[in-house]
Amino acid sequence: MSKIEREKEVLYGKIGERLKKIRLEKGYKNQESFAYVSDIPRAQYGRYEKGTNLTLLSLFWILSHHNISFEEFFSEGFEDLNKLMKGK
């Protein structure tokens, strides 16, 4: 696996972890309940939390339902990714 592929995998994994954390903080105990109110197919949302199959537009849609900006979303949980990127 190339370095860029590893970085991509790490980034998507961190995005998925952050989505799950926010969902739980907002009181949605499972993926299905959030997927239902945000009009996202449950299986698709599950893939987002696993860090796969996510587009920028999908991320925007999810964050808008949580009333969170991109800046706020990326302000937590991505510190070690920043270190990885600086090590290029």
C-alpha atoms as a PDB file:
ATOM      1  CA  MET A   1       0.000   0.000   0.000  1.00  0.00           C
ATOM      2  CA  SER A   2       1.369   3.396  -0.965  1.00  0.00           C
ATOM      3  CA  LYS A   3       1.880   6.192   1.521  1.00  0.00           C
ATOM      4  CA  ILE A   4      -0.992   8.198   0.083  1.00  0.00           C
ATOM      5  CA  GLU A   5      -3.301   5.185   0.346  1.00  0.00           C
ATOM      6  CA  ARG A   6      -2.323   4.725   4.006  1.00  0.00           C
ATOM      7  CA  GLU A   7      -2.964   8.418   4.695  1.00  0.00           C
ATOM      8  CA  LYS A   8      -6.335   8.197   2.949  1.00  0.00           C
ATOM      9  CA  GLU A   9      -7.273   5.145   5.011  1.00  0.00           C
ATOM     10  CA  VAL A  10      -6.279   6.902   8.240  1.00  0.00           C
ATOM     11  CA  LEU A  11      -8.211  10.054   7.299  1.00  0.00           C
ATOM     12  CA  TYR A  12     -11.417   8.208   6.443  1.00  0.00           C
ATOM     13  CA  GLY A  13     -11.113   6.131   9.601  1.00  0.00           C
ATOM     14  CA  LYS A  14     -10.791   9.260  11.716  1.00  0.00           C
ATOM     15  CA  ILE A  15     -13.771  10.856   9.963  1.00  0.00           C
ATOM     16  CA  GLY A  16     -15.828   7.763  10.734  1.00  0.00           C
ATOM     17  CA  GLU A  17     -14.771   7.787  14.391  1.00  0.00           C
ATOM     18  CA  ARG A  18     -15.643  11.468  14.674  1.00  0.00           C
ATOM     19  CA  LEU A  19     -19.055  10.954  13.073  1.00  0.00           C
ATOM     20  CA  LYS A  20     -19.842   8.220  15.570  1.00  0.00           C
ATOM     21  CA  LYS A  21     -18.697  10.329  18.516  1.00  0.00           C
ATOM     22  CA  ILE A  22     -20.849  13.266  17.436  1.00  0.00           C
ATOM     23  CA  ARG A  23     -23.869  11.035  16.795  1.00  0.00           C
ATOM     24  CA  LEU A  24     -23.621   9.613  20.315  1.00  0.00           C
ATOM     25  CA  GLU A  25     -23.066  13.061  21.858  1.00  0.00           C
ATOM     26  CA  LYS A  26     -26.210  14.300  20.088  1.00  0.00           C
ATOM     27  CA  GLY A  27     -28.216  11.506  21.716  1.00  0.00           C
ATOM     28  CA  TYR A  28     -28.633   9.071  18.830  1.00  0.00           C
ATOM     29  CA  LYS A  29     -27.954   5.707  20.428  1.00  0.00           C
ATOM     30  CA  ASN A  30     -27.658   3.841  17.156  1.00  0.00           C
ATOM     31  CA  GLN A  31     -26.897   4.487  13.514  1.00  0.00           C
ATOM     32  CA  GLU A  32     -30.420   3.607  12.462  1.00  0.00           C
ATOM     33  CA  SER A  33     -32.090   6.361  14.502  1.00  0.00           C
ATOM     34  CA  PHE A  34     -29.819   9.058  13.098  1.00  0.00           C
ATOM     35  CA  ALA A  35     -30.030   7.695   9.553  1.00  0.00           C
ATOM     36  CA  TYR A  36     -33.826   7.761   9.751  1.00  0.00           C
ATOM     37  CA  VAL A  37     -34.149  11.406  10.835  1.00  0.00           C
ATOM     38  CA  SER A  38     -31.485  12.574   8.387  1.00  0.00           C
ATOM     39  CA  ASP A  39     -32.989  10.639   5.453  1.00  0.00           C
ATOM     40  CA  ILE A  40     -29.859   8.572   4.789  1.00  0.00           C
ATOM     41  CA  PRO A  41     -30.156   4.829   4.161  1.00  0.00           C
ATOM     42  CA  ARG A  42     -29.111   3.028   7.347  1.00  0.00           C
ATOM     43  CA  ALA A  43     -26.566   0.777   5.642  1.00  0.00           C
ATOM     44  CA  GLN A  44     -25.030   3.757   3.877  1.00  0.00           C
ATOM     45  CA  TYR A  45     -24.678   5.701   7.113  1.00  0.00           C
ATOM     46  CA  GLY A  46     -23.065   2.644   8.699  1.00  0.00           C
ATOM     47  CA  ARG A  47     -20.430   2.716   5.969  1.00  0.00           C
ATOM     48  CA  TYR A  48     -19.794   6.400   6.690  1.00  0.00           C
ATOM     49  CA  GLU A  49     -19.033   5.608  10.333  1.00  0.00           C
ATOM     50  CA  LYS A  50     -16.676   2.869   9.166  1.00  0.00           C
ATOM     51  CA  GLY A  51     -14.853   5.434   7.075  1.00  0.00           C
ATOM     52  CA  THR A  52     -15.877   4.173   3.663  1.00  0.00           C
ATOM     53  CA  ASN A  53     -17.886   5.460   0.747  1.00  0.00           C
ATOM     54  CA  LEU A  54     -18.043   9.040   2.041  1.00  0.00           C
ATOM     55  CA  THR A  55     -18.158  12.108  -0.185  1.00  0.00           C
ATOM     56  CA  LEU A  56     -17.706  15.729   0.762  1.00  0.00           C
ATOM     57  CA  LEU A  57     -21.376  16.354   0.021  1.00  0.00           C
ATOM     58  CA  SER A  58     -22.422  13.469   2.284  1.00  0.00           C
ATOM     59  CA  LEU A  59     -20.243  14.823   5.083  1.00  0.00           C
ATOM     60  CA  PHE A  60     -21.771  18.275   4.615  1.00  0.00           C
ATOM     61  CA  TRP A  61     -25.279  16.775   4.784  1.00  0.00           C
ATOM     62  CA  ILE A  62     -24.525  14.900   8.011  1.00  0.00           C
ATOM     63  CA  LEU A  63     -22.849  17.878   9.669  1.00  0.00           C
ATOM     64  CA  SER A  64     -25.742  20.154   8.731  1.00  0.00           C
ATOM     65  CA  HIS A  65     -28.127  17.766  10.514  1.00  0.00           C
ATOM     66  CA  HIS A  66     -25.920  17.985  13.592  1.00  0.00           C
ATOM     67  CA  ASN A  67     -25.621  21.769  13.169  1.00  0.00           C
ATOM     68  CA  ILE A  68     -21.816  21.519  13.114  1.00  0.00           C
ATOM     69  CA  SER A  69     -19.401  23.368  10.831  1.00  0.00           C
ATOM     70  CA  PHE A  70     -16.509  21.721   9.003  1.00  0.00           C
ATOM     71  CA  GLU A  71     -14.164  23.748  11.188  1.00  0.00           C
ATOM     72  CA  GLU A  72     -15.746  22.411  14.372  1.00  0.00           C
ATOM     73  CA  PHE A  73     -15.814  18.850  13.007  1.00  0.00           C
ATOM     74  CA  PHE A  74     -12.121  18.806  12.125  1.00  0.00           C
ATOM     75  CA  SER A  75     -11.045  20.649  15.302  1.00  0.00           C
ATOM     76  CA  GLU A  76     -11.020  17.421  17.328  1.00  0.00           C
ATOM     77  CA  GLY A  77      -9.631  13.963  16.696  1.00  0.00           C
ATOM     78  CA  PHE A  78      -7.310  14.754  13.807  1.00  0.00           C
ATOM     79  CA  GLU A  79      -4.194  15.852  15.701  1.00  0.00           C
ATOM     80  CA  ASP A  80      -2.068  12.802  14.889  1.00  0.00           C
ATOM     81  CA  LEU A  81      -3.146  13.001  11.248  1.00  0.00           C
ATOM     82  CA  ASN A  82      -1.712  16.517  11.125  1.00  0.00           C
ATOM     83  CA  LYS A  83       1.585  15.114  12.432  1.00  0.00           C
ATOM     84  CA  LEU A  84       1.499  12.412   9.773  1.00  0.00           C
ATOM     85  CA  MET A  85       0.928  14.985   7.022  1.00  0.00           C
ATOM     86  CA  LYS A  86       3.758  17.196   8.265  1.00  0.00           C
ATOM     87  CA  GLY A  87       6.111  14.225   8.095  1.00  0.00           C
ATOM     88  CA  LYS A  88       5.888  14.135   4.306  1.00  0.00           C
END
